[in-house]
Amino acid sequence: MIYVDKQKQPQEKYDGEWAEGKMHGRGKYWYADGSVYDGLWIDSKMHGKGIFTFANANKYEGDFALDKKNGFGTLSYIKTGERYEGNWQDDHAHGQGTLIYGNNDRYIGGWVQGQKSGQGELHYTNGDVFRGQWDEDHANGWGELRYANGDLYEGHWMNDLRHGTGKFTSVDQGETYEGEWYEGFKHGEGKLTLKDSNILQGIWNRGKLDGKVEFFFNPKSPWNDPEY
């Protein structure tokens, strides 16, 4: 079946099976915008397994229901090199799925209406790994970021930044900060445990100690002995 415009110029084409005057069964449809669907049809709607190639060459291969991506499938983005493989609902990534970015960073976890949501983990190509809670496509809630060099942050996040209470351990420096964070900075009450186990405690202002600072010696330090 070939569909033409008012000037009798071919616009769209269907080649496949029919039932009671409707596209039904296996068939291939060429759309006017250049996109192509090759797969199963029910009552003239994409329904079942199929491959949809967009006009820009992006390609979806997987399940359809009532003309929309529903079920399990893979969408490949040609221009960016990204690929999503997982569950779909009404044309949105929804449920569990994996997104591989163009630089090979990889997110594995939950999705809601096309956005990262729930529990998920992001593996960076440099070896860093984030595991934790996501909401509206960003790290939000509790999570831990393990760096390739062994450093570790455990605590709360807001919009991909350390925010709330958390603990950061630096392997290279042998130091640990535990306390409050704000928009990625140490901010509020917190204590810094130094390599020698001495402690600095006070109020932090966007990453710097601000105001009164308390210093506590390591319990094993000879400076705790008044006669030292």
C-alpha atoms as a PDB file:
ATOM      1  CA  MET A   1       0.000   0.000   0.000  1.00  0.00           C
ATOM      2  CA  ILE A   2       1.382   3.406  -1.062  1.00  0.00           C
ATOM      3  CA  TYR A   3      -0.011   6.657   0.364  1.00  0.00           C
ATOM      4  CA  VAL A   4       0.253   9.763  -1.831  1.00  0.00           C
ATOM      5  CA  ASP A   5      -0.282  13.503  -1.292  1.00  0.00           C
ATOM      6  CA  LYS A   6      -2.638  15.802  -3.205  1.00  0.00           C
ATOM      7  CA  GLN A   7      -0.124  15.981  -6.035  1.00  0.00           C
ATOM      8  CA  LYS A   8      -0.117  12.184  -6.247  1.00  0.00           C
ATOM      9  CA  GLN A   9       3.453  12.054  -4.948  1.00  0.00           C
ATOM     10  CA  PRO A  10       4.308   9.004  -2.818  1.00  0.00           C
ATOM     11  CA  GLN A  11       4.583   9.948   0.882  1.00  0.00           C
ATOM     12  CA  GLU A  12       4.325   6.754   2.893  1.00  0.00           C
ATOM     13  CA  LYS A  13       4.342   3.067   2.157  1.00  0.00           C
ATOM     14  CA  TYR A  14       3.308  -0.151   3.890  1.00  0.00           C
ATOM     15  CA  ASP A  15       4.407  -3.597   2.815  1.00  0.00           C
ATOM     16  CA  GLY A  16       3.068  -6.431   4.903  1.00  0.00           C
ATOM     17  CA  GLU A  17       0.131  -8.413   6.206  1.00  0.00           C
ATOM     18  CA  TRP A  18      -3.464  -7.224   6.566  1.00  0.00           C
ATOM     19  CA  ALA A  19      -6.594  -8.353   8.394  1.00  0.00           C
ATOM     20  CA  GLU A  20     -10.036  -6.847   7.868  1.00  0.00           C
ATOM     21  CA  GLY A  21      -8.583  -3.800   6.157  1.00  0.00           C
ATOM     22  CA  LYS A  22      -6.013  -3.075   8.866  1.00  0.00           C
ATOM     23  CA  MET A  23      -2.273  -3.597   9.100  1.00  0.00           C
ATOM     24  CA  HIS A  24      -2.105  -6.797  11.115  1.00  0.00           C
ATOM     25  CA  GLY A  25       0.758  -9.264  11.469  1.00  0.00           C
ATOM     26  CA  ARG A  26       4.256  -8.636  10.165  1.00  0.00           C
ATOM     27  CA  GLY A  27       4.914  -5.597   8.058  1.00  0.00           C
ATOM     28  CA  LYS A  28       7.189  -2.693   7.216  1.00  0.00           C
ATOM     29  CA  TYR A  29       6.139   0.949   7.103  1.00  0.00           C
ATOM     30  CA  TRP A  30       8.039   3.864   5.584  1.00  0.00           C
ATOM     31  CA  TYR A  31       6.972   7.246   7.048  1.00  0.00           C
ATOM     32  CA  ALA A  32       7.015  10.607   5.288  1.00  0.00           C
ATOM     33  CA  ASP A  33       9.693  11.990   7.634  1.00  0.00           C
ATOM     34  CA  GLY A  34      12.123   9.214   6.684  1.00  0.00           C
ATOM     35  CA  SER A  35      11.628   6.946   9.679  1.00  0.00           C
ATOM     36  CA  VAL A  36      10.900   3.240   9.204  1.00  0.00           C
ATOM     37  CA  TYR A  37       9.164   0.597  11.313  1.00  0.00           C
ATOM     38  CA  ASP A  38       9.695  -3.088  10.667  1.00  0.00           C
ATOM     39  CA  GLY A  39       7.861  -5.489  12.928  1.00  0.00           C
ATOM     40  CA  LEU A  40       4.519  -6.710  14.205  1.00  0.00           C
ATOM     41  CA  TRP A  41       1.192  -4.897  13.925  1.00  0.00           C
ATOM     42  CA  ILE A  42      -2.232  -5.284  15.519  1.00  0.00           C
ATOM     43  CA  ASP A  43      -5.194  -3.239  14.275  1.00  0.00           C
ATOM     44  CA  SER A  44      -2.857  -0.848  12.387  1.00  0.00           C
ATOM     45  CA  LYS A  45      -0.757  -0.132  15.488  1.00  0.00           C
ATOM     46  CA  MET A  46       2.823  -1.161  16.233  1.00  0.00           C
ATOM     47  CA  HIS A  47       2.357  -3.969  18.722  1.00  0.00           C
ATOM     48  CA  GLY A  48       4.835  -6.718  19.607  1.00  0.00           C
ATOM     49  CA  LYS A  49       8.455  -7.069  18.554  1.00  0.00           C
ATOM     50  CA  GLY A  50       9.799  -4.527  16.121  1.00  0.00           C
ATOM     51  CA  ILE A  51      12.565  -2.205  14.979  1.00  0.00           C
ATOM     52  CA  PHE A  52      11.951   1.517  14.596  1.00  0.00           C
ATOM     53  CA  THR A  53      14.624   3.527  12.798  1.00  0.00           C
ATOM     54  CA  PHE A  54      14.206   7.268  13.244  1.00  0.00           C
ATOM     55  CA  ALA A  55      14.862   9.823  10.526  1.00  0.00           C
ATOM     56  CA  ASN A  56      18.068  10.867  12.324  1.00  0.00           C
ATOM     57  CA  ALA A  57      19.254   7.202  12.263  1.00  0.00           C
ATOM     58  CA  ASN A  58      18.613   6.547  15.975  1.00  0.00           C
ATOM     59  CA  LYS A  59      17.270   3.020  16.357  1.00  0.00           C
ATOM     60  CA  TYR A  60      14.943   1.284  18.823  1.00  0.00           C
ATOM     61  CA  GLU A  61      14.718  -2.483  18.848  1.00  0.00           C
ATOM     62  CA  GLY A  62      12.336  -4.224  21.213  1.00  0.00           C
ATOM     63  CA  ASP A  63       8.753  -4.388  22.413  1.00  0.00           C
ATOM     64  CA  PHE A  64       5.874  -2.153  21.346  1.00  0.00           C
ATOM     65  CA  ALA A  65       2.308  -1.818  22.573  1.00  0.00           C
ATOM     66  CA  LEU A  66      -0.325   0.398  20.969  1.00  0.00           C
ATOM     67  CA  ASP A  67       2.202   2.381  18.902  1.00  0.00           C
ATOM     68  CA  LYS A  68       4.537   3.098  21.845  1.00  0.00           C
ATOM     69  CA  LYS A  69       7.715   1.590  23.267  1.00  0.00           C
ATOM     70  CA  ASN A  70       6.436  -0.694  26.021  1.00  0.00           C
ATOM     71  CA  GLY A  71       8.229  -3.655  27.557  1.00  0.00           C
ATOM     72  CA  PHE A  72      11.920  -4.350  27.025  1.00  0.00           C
ATOM     73  CA  GLY A  73      14.046  -2.738  24.358  1.00  0.00           C
ATOM     74  CA  THR A  74      17.245  -1.001  23.301  1.00  0.00           C
ATOM     75  CA  LEU A  75      17.476   2.554  21.988  1.00  0.00           C
ATOM     76  CA  SER A  76      20.744   3.560  20.317  1.00  0.00           C
ATOM     77  CA  TYR A  77      21.630   7.215  19.732  1.00  0.00           C
ATOM     78  CA  ILE A  78      23.838   7.415  16.666  1.00  0.00           C
ATOM     79  CA  LYS A  79      25.109  10.989  17.070  1.00  0.00           C
ATOM     80  CA  THR A  80      26.126  10.760  20.753  1.00  0.00           C
ATOM     81  CA  GLY A  81      26.993   7.064  20.885  1.00  0.00           C
ATOM     82  CA  GLU A  82      24.683   6.555  23.885  1.00  0.00           C
ATOM     83  CA  ARG A  83      22.633   3.401  24.328  1.00  0.00           C
ATOM     84  CA  TYR A  84      19.784   2.574  26.723  1.00  0.00           C
ATOM     85  CA  GLU A  85      18.826  -1.032  27.318  1.00  0.00           C
ATOM     86  CA  GLY A  86      16.010  -1.894  29.679  1.00  0.00           C
ATOM     87  CA  ASN A  87      12.326  -1.505  30.435  1.00  0.00           C
ATOM     88  CA  TRP A  88       9.952   0.997  28.826  1.00  0.00           C
ATOM     89  CA  GLN A  89       6.505   2.380  29.527  1.00  0.00           C
ATOM     90  CA  ASP A  90       4.646   4.622  27.082  1.00  0.00           C
ATOM     91  CA  ASP A  91       7.805   5.682  25.208  1.00  0.00           C
ATOM     92  CA  HIS A  92       9.791   6.418  28.404  1.00  0.00           C
ATOM     93  CA  ALA A  93      12.577   4.471  30.105  1.00  0.00           C
ATOM     94  CA  HIS A  94      10.705   3.103  33.119  1.00  0.00           C
ATOM     95  CA  GLY A  95      11.693   0.333  35.528  1.00  0.00           C
ATOM     96  CA  GLN A  96      15.161  -1.174  35.489  1.00  0.00           C
ATOM     97  CA  GLY A  97      17.632  -0.286  32.770  1.00  0.00           C
ATOM     98  CA  THR A  98      21.195   0.488  31.767  1.00  0.00           C
ATOM     99  CA  LEU A  99      22.363   3.668  30.061  1.00  0.00           C
ATOM    100  CA  ILE A 100      25.796   3.624  28.455  1.00  0.00           C
ATOM    101  CA  TYR A 101      27.056   7.128  27.719  1.00  0.00           C
ATOM    102  CA  GLY A 102      29.127   8.116  24.714  1.00  0.00           C
ATOM    103  CA  ASN A 103      32.281   8.175  26.876  1.00  0.00           C
ATOM    104  CA  ASN A 104      31.405   4.677  28.234  1.00  0.00           C
ATOM    105  CA  ASP A 105      30.286   5.845  31.682  1.00  0.00           C
ATOM    106  CA  ARG A 106      27.498   3.450  32.679  1.00  0.00           C
ATOM    107  CA  TYR A 107      24.358   3.901  34.814  1.00  0.00           C
ATOM    108  CA  ILE A 108      22.604   0.759  36.042  1.00  0.00           C
ATOM    109  CA  GLY A 109      19.416   1.080  38.061  1.00  0.00           C
ATOM    110  CA  GLY A 110      15.896   2.413  38.326  1.00  0.00           C
ATOM    111  CA  TRP A 111      14.036   4.774  36.002  1.00  0.00           C
ATOM    112  CA  VAL A 112      10.740   6.654  36.202  1.00  0.00           C
ATOM    113  CA  GLN A 113       9.307   8.359  33.124  1.00  0.00           C
ATOM    114  CA  GLY A 114      12.676   8.705  31.421  1.00  0.00           C
ATOM    115  CA  GLN A 115      14.651   9.857  34.483  1.00  0.00           C
ATOM    116  CA  LYS A 116      16.987   8.021  36.848  1.00  0.00           C
ATOM    117  CA  SER A 117      15.029   7.260  39.994  1.00  0.00           C
ATOM    118  CA  GLY A 118      15.317   4.941  42.980  1.00  0.00           C
ATOM    119  CA  GLN A 119      18.411   2.820  43.584  1.00  0.00           C
ATOM    120  CA  GLY A 120      21.142   2.981  40.991  1.00  0.00           C
ATOM    121  CA  GLU A 121      24.855   2.971  40.405  1.00  0.00           C
ATOM    122  CA  LEU A 122      27.006   5.012  38.059  1.00  0.00           C
ATOM    123  CA  HIS A 123      30.312   3.537  36.929  1.00  0.00           C
ATOM    124  CA  TYR A 124      32.767   6.085  35.551  1.00  0.00           C
ATOM    125  CA  THR A 125      35.409   5.151  33.024  1.00  0.00           C
ATOM    126  CA  ASN A 126      38.108   6.515  35.379  1.00  0.00           C
ATOM    127  CA  GLY A 127      37.194   3.842  37.951  1.00  0.00           C
ATOM    128  CA  ASP A 128      35.030   5.955  40.283  1.00  0.00           C
ATOM    129  CA  VAL A 129      31.713   4.338  41.299  1.00  0.00           C
ATOM    130  CA  PHE A 130      28.618   5.961  42.821  1.00  0.00           C
ATOM    131  CA  ARG A 131      25.952   3.793  44.449  1.00  0.00           C
ATOM    132  CA  GLY A 132      22.855   5.223  46.026  1.00  0.00           C
ATOM    133  CA  GLN A 133      19.525   6.950  45.621  1.00  0.00           C
ATOM    134  CA  TRP A 134      18.366   8.940  42.606  1.00  0.00           C
ATOM    135  CA  ASP A 135      15.442  11.262  41.999  1.00  0.00           C
ATOM    136  CA  GLU A 136      14.542  13.333  38.925  1.00  0.00           C
ATOM    137  CA  ASP A 137      17.692  12.188  37.090  1.00  0.00           C
ATOM    138  CA  HIS A 138      20.132  13.270  39.843  1.00  0.00           C
ATOM    139  CA  ALA A 139      21.813  11.739  42.881  1.00  0.00           C
ATOM    140  CA  ASN A 140      19.415  12.687  45.671  1.00  0.00           C
ATOM    141  CA  GLY A 141      19.300  11.067  49.092  1.00  0.00           C
ATOM    142  CA  TRP A 142      21.870   8.695  50.563  1.00  0.00           C
ATOM    143  CA  GLY A 143      24.763   7.369  48.528  1.00  0.00           C
ATOM    144  CA  GLU A 144      28.441   6.508  48.499  1.00  0.00           C
ATOM    145  CA  LEU A 145      31.071   7.539  45.993  1.00  0.00           C
ATOM    146  CA  ARG A 146      34.151   5.334  45.882  1.00  0.00           C
ATOM    147  CA  TYR A 147      37.001   6.929  44.018  1.00  0.00           C
ATOM    148  CA  ALA A 148      39.498   4.958  41.963  1.00  0.00           C
ATOM    149  CA  ASN A 149      42.312   6.075  44.303  1.00  0.00           C
ATOM    150  CA  GLY A 150      40.516   4.604  47.338  1.00  0.00           C
ATOM    151  CA  ASP A 151      38.941   7.813  48.688  1.00  0.00           C
ATOM    152  CA  LEU A 152      35.343   7.398  49.887  1.00  0.00           C
ATOM    153  CA  TYR A 153      32.375   9.669  50.555  1.00  0.00           C
ATOM    154  CA  GLU A 154      29.393   8.205  52.416  1.00  0.00           C
ATOM    155  CA  GLY A 155      26.399  10.376  53.101  1.00  0.00           C
ATOM    156  CA  HIS A 156      23.641  12.506  51.708  1.00  0.00           C
ATOM    157  CA  TRP A 157      23.370  14.117  48.281  1.00  0.00           C
ATOM    158  CA  MET A 158      21.246  16.755  46.609  1.00  0.00           C
ATOM    159  CA  ASN A 159      21.316  17.332  42.841  1.00  0.00           C
ATOM    160  CA  ASP A 160      24.594  15.401  42.418  1.00  0.00           C
ATOM    161  CA  LEU A 161      26.379  17.336  45.214  1.00  0.00           C
ATOM    162  CA  ARG A 162      27.324  16.333  48.771  1.00  0.00           C
ATOM    163  CA  HIS A 163      24.619  17.937  50.833  1.00  0.00           C
ATOM    164  CA  GLY A 164      23.474  17.160  54.374  1.00  0.00           C
ATOM    165  CA  THR A 165      25.509  14.926  56.643  1.00  0.00           C
ATOM    166  CA  GLY A 166      28.335  12.786  55.377  1.00  0.00           C
ATOM    167  CA  LYS A 167      31.784  11.336  55.871  1.00  0.00           C
ATOM    168  CA  PHE A 168      34.737  11.741  53.513  1.00  0.00           C
ATOM    169  CA  THR A 169      37.879   9.640  53.886  1.00  0.00           C
ATOM    170  CA  SER A 170      41.061  10.595  52.047  1.00  0.00           C
ATOM    171  CA  VAL A 171      43.413   7.654  51.629  1.00  0.00           C
ATOM    172  CA  ASP A 172      46.352   9.725  50.383  1.00  0.00           C
ATOM    173  CA  GLN A 173      46.123  12.237  53.229  1.00  0.00           C
ATOM    174  CA  GLY A 174      45.093   9.697  55.845  1.00  0.00           C
ATOM    175  CA  GLU A 175      42.378  12.123  57.011  1.00  0.00           C
ATOM    176  CA  THR A 176      38.630  11.868  57.576  1.00  0.00           C
ATOM    177  CA  TYR A 177      36.016  14.620  57.677  1.00  0.00           C
ATOM    178  CA  GLU A 178      32.683  13.827  59.263  1.00  0.00           C
ATOM    179  CA  GLY A 179      29.905  16.373  59.544  1.00  0.00           C
ATOM    180  CA  GLU A 180      27.686  18.684  57.556  1.00  0.00           C
ATOM    181  CA  TRP A 181      27.878  19.528  53.854  1.00  0.00           C
ATOM    182  CA  TYR A 182      26.240  22.180  51.704  1.00  0.00           C
ATOM    183  CA  GLU A 183      26.228  22.228  47.895  1.00  0.00           C
ATOM    184  CA  GLY A 184      29.388  20.122  47.748  1.00  0.00           C
ATOM    185  CA  PHE A 185      31.324  21.978  50.470  1.00  0.00           C
ATOM    186  CA  LYS A 186      32.091  21.122  54.090  1.00  0.00           C
ATOM    187  CA  HIS A 187      29.661  23.533  55.707  1.00  0.00           C
ATOM    188  CA  GLY A 188      28.307  23.650  59.268  1.00  0.00           C
ATOM    189  CA  GLU A 189      29.455  21.551  62.187  1.00  0.00           C
ATOM    190  CA  GLY A 190      32.149  18.995  61.465  1.00  0.00           C
ATOM    191  CA  LYS A 191      35.314  17.347  62.655  1.00  0.00           C
ATOM    192  CA  LEU A 192      38.492  16.543  60.786  1.00  0.00           C
ATOM    193  CA  THR A 193      40.482  13.569  62.034  1.00  0.00           C
ATOM    194  CA  LEU A 194      44.111  13.986  61.019  1.00  0.00           C
ATOM    195  CA  LYS A 195      46.595  11.303  60.071  1.00  0.00           C
ATOM    196  CA  ASP A 196      48.029  11.223  63.584  1.00  0.00           C
ATOM    197  CA  SER A 197      44.454  10.836  64.968  1.00  0.00           C
ATOM    198  CA  ASN A 198      44.411  14.361  66.397  1.00  0.00           C
ATOM    199  CA  ILE A 199      41.067  16.077  65.775  1.00  0.00           C
ATOM    200  CA  LEU A 200      40.053  19.544  64.601  1.00  0.00           C
ATOM    201  CA  GLN A 201      36.430  20.347  65.350  1.00  0.00           C
ATOM    202  CA  GLY A 202      34.439  23.463  64.607  1.00  0.00           C
ATOM    203  CA  ILE A 203      32.216  25.329  62.198  1.00  0.00           C
ATOM    204  CA  TRP A 204      32.972  25.192  58.487  1.00  0.00           C
ATOM    205  CA  ASN A 205      31.999  27.774  55.886  1.00  0.00           C
ATOM    206  CA  ARG A 206      32.034  26.506  52.288  1.00  0.00           C
ATOM    207  CA  GLY A 207      35.050  24.279  52.842  1.00  0.00           C
ATOM    208  CA  LYS A 208      37.020  26.389  55.353  1.00  0.00           C
ATOM    209  CA  LEU A 209      37.097  26.448  59.132  1.00  0.00           C
ATOM    210  CA  ASP A 210      35.380  29.596  60.318  1.00  0.00           C
ATOM    211  CA  GLY A 211      35.458  30.896  63.877  1.00  0.00           C
ATOM    212  CA  LYS A 212      36.277  28.968  67.021  1.00  0.00           C
ATOM    213  CA  VAL A 213      38.169  25.693  66.504  1.00  0.00           C
ATOM    214  CA  GLU A 214      38.621  22.952  69.083  1.00  0.00           C
ATOM    215  CA  PHE A 215      41.689  20.721  68.969  1.00  0.00           C
ATOM    216  CA  PHE A 216      41.767  17.263  70.544  1.00  0.00           C
ATOM    217  CA  PHE A 217      44.914  15.187  70.903  1.00  0.00           C
ATOM    218  CA  ASN A 218      45.060  11.549  70.005  1.00  0.00           C
ATOM    219  CA  PRO A 219      44.316   9.705  73.290  1.00  0.00           C
ATOM    220  CA  LYS A 220      47.702   8.031  72.970  1.00  0.00           C
ATOM    221  CA  SER A 221      49.530  11.311  72.454  1.00  0.00           C
ATOM    222  CA  PRO A 222      52.136  12.177  75.118  1.00  0.00           C
ATOM    223  CA  TRP A 223      50.705  15.711  75.113  1.00  0.00           C
ATOM    224  CA  ASN A 224      47.776  14.378  77.120  1.00  0.00           C
ATOM    225  CA  ASP A 225      50.219  13.785  79.990  1.00  0.00           C
ATOM    226  CA  PRO A 226      50.426  17.035  82.042  1.00  0.00           C
ATOM    227  CA  GLU A 227      53.950  16.112  83.146  1.00  0.00           C
ATOM    228  CA  TYR A 228      55.207  15.580  79.578  1.00  0.00           C
END
